[in-house]
Protein backbone atom coordinates (compact mmCIF):
# COMPACT_ATOMS: atom_id res chain seq x y z
CA MET A 1 -20.30 14.07 -32.10
CA LYS A 2 -18.96 10.75 -30.80
CA LYS A 3 -15.41 11.69 -31.82
CA GLN A 4 -15.72 15.00 -29.95
CA GLU A 5 -16.85 13.12 -26.84
CA GLN A 6 -13.90 10.73 -27.11
CA LEU A 7 -11.42 13.58 -27.61
CA THR A 8 -12.83 15.40 -24.59
CA GLN A 9 -12.51 12.25 -22.49
CA VAL A 10 -8.91 11.75 -23.59
CA HIS A 11 -8.20 15.39 -22.77
CA GLY A 12 -9.52 14.76 -19.26
CA TYR A 13 -7.13 11.84 -18.80
CA ILE A 14 -4.24 13.93 -20.06
CA LEU A 15 -5.15 16.70 -17.62
CA ILE A 16 -5.00 14.37 -14.63
CA LYS A 17 -1.63 13.04 -15.82
CA ASP A 18 -0.35 16.62 -16.10
CA ILE A 19 -1.65 17.37 -12.61
CA HIS A 20 0.30 14.41 -11.21
CA ILE A 21 3.47 15.53 -13.00
CA ALA A 22 3.10 19.12 -11.74
CA THR A 23 2.91 17.89 -8.13
CA LYS A 24 6.70 17.47 -8.03
CA LYS A 25 7.19 21.02 -9.23
CA LEU A 26 5.30 22.38 -6.21
CA PHE A 27 8.49 21.63 -4.27
CA ASP A 28 10.92 23.24 -6.70
CA GLU A 29 13.52 25.46 -5.03
CA ASN A 30 12.71 28.20 -7.53
CA PRO A 31 9.51 29.86 -6.26
CA GLU A 32 8.57 30.91 -9.79
CA VAL A 33 8.53 27.28 -10.92
CA ALA A 34 6.51 26.23 -7.86
CA LEU A 35 4.02 29.07 -8.35
CA GLU A 36 3.62 28.22 -12.03
CA ALA A 37 2.98 24.58 -11.09
CA GLN A 38 0.38 25.64 -8.55
CA ASN A 39 -1.41 27.90 -11.02
CA SER A 40 -1.27 25.28 -13.77
CA MET A 41 -2.69 22.65 -11.44
CA ILE A 42 -5.62 24.88 -10.53
CA ILE A 43 -6.36 25.63 -14.19
CA TRP A 44 -6.15 21.94 -15.09
CA LEU A 45 -8.34 20.98 -12.12
CA LYS A 46 -10.98 23.47 -13.30
CA GLU A 47 -10.88 21.96 -16.79
CA PHE A 48 -11.02 18.44 -15.39
CA LEU A 49 -14.03 19.28 -13.22
CA ALA A 50 -15.80 20.94 -16.17
CA ASN A 51 -15.29 17.93 -18.45
CA LYS A 52 -18.84 16.73 -19.02
CA TYR A 53 -17.77 13.54 -20.76
CA LEU A 54 -15.97 12.05 -17.76
CA ASP A 55 -18.20 10.13 -15.42
CA ASP A 56 -18.41 11.03 -11.74
CA LEU A 57 -16.62 7.88 -10.61
CA THR A 58 -13.62 8.65 -12.83
CA LYS A 59 -13.52 12.19 -11.47
CA ALA A 60 -13.88 10.97 -7.89
CA VAL A 61 -11.12 8.37 -8.09
CA SER A 62 -8.71 10.71 -9.90
CA LEU A 63 -9.32 13.74 -7.70
CA SER A 64 -9.34 11.73 -4.49
CA PHE A 65 -5.99 10.20 -5.45
CA VAL A 66 -4.49 13.65 -6.12
CA TYR A 67 -5.97 15.16 -2.95
CA ARG A 68 -4.84 12.35 -0.65
CA GLY A 69 -1.38 12.37 -2.23
CA LEU A 70 -1.01 16.10 -1.67
CA LYS A 71 -2.21 15.81 1.93
CA LYS A 72 0.57 13.30 2.63
CA LEU A 73 3.19 15.74 1.38
CA ASP A 74 4.71 18.68 3.23
CA SER A 75 1.85 20.49 4.93
CA ASN A 76 3.95 23.65 5.33
CA ASN A 77 4.29 24.14 1.57
CA ILE A 78 2.15 27.13 0.60
CA TYR A 79 1.72 25.89 -2.97
CA VAL A 80 0.40 22.52 -1.78
CA LYS A 81 -1.89 24.28 0.69
CA THR A 82 -3.28 26.48 -2.07
CA VAL A 83 -4.07 23.53 -4.34
CA LEU A 84 -5.63 21.61 -1.45
CA TYR A 85 -7.75 24.62 -0.56
CA PHE A 86 -8.92 24.96 -4.16
CA MET A 87 -9.81 21.27 -4.28
CA SER A 88 -11.67 21.33 -0.98
CA LYS A 89 -13.75 24.29 -2.18
CA ASN A 90 -14.37 23.17 -5.76
CA ALA A 91 -14.12 19.38 -5.84
CA ASN A 92 -15.33 18.42 -2.38
CA GLU A 93 -18.17 16.30 -3.78
CA TYR A 94 -15.59 14.05 -5.48
CA LEU A 95 -13.07 13.70 -2.67
CA ASN A 96 -14.76 10.90 -0.78
CA VAL A 97 -14.69 8.01 -3.22
CA ALA A 98 -16.68 5.81 -0.83
CA ASP A 99 -19.74 7.99 -1.49
CA PHE A 100 -19.78 6.71 -5.07
CA PHE A 101 -20.21 3.10 -4.03
CA GLN A 102 -23.49 1.90 -2.67
CA ILE A 103 -23.54 -1.41 -0.90
CA ASP A 104 -26.74 -3.34 -1.20
CA ASP A 105 -27.14 -5.17 2.09
CA LYS A 106 -30.06 -7.32 0.92
CA THR A 107 -29.44 -10.97 1.45
CA ASN A 108 -30.30 -13.38 -1.35
């Protein structure tokens, strides 16, 4: 059972790496390549979100990094817009990393 958990965690890390790599392909001059990258990213994002062995902070940091990176890119790119839309609808709870940190303002 522990090995399965570890393999699933590793798979989650591989997915986020693949998502980062596919980002470049969203700008490929061949629309078929860009569309394939978009569709792959959405599938991988779904798998990443469904990974029950990754903690919420890992998901938040990874997804927030991807989302913010995409937002800085060409906003007129339909493939980028589609991925951003998917993320805003399906991963919104993870996109504000600051929500995962609580600051205890008690003085000692």
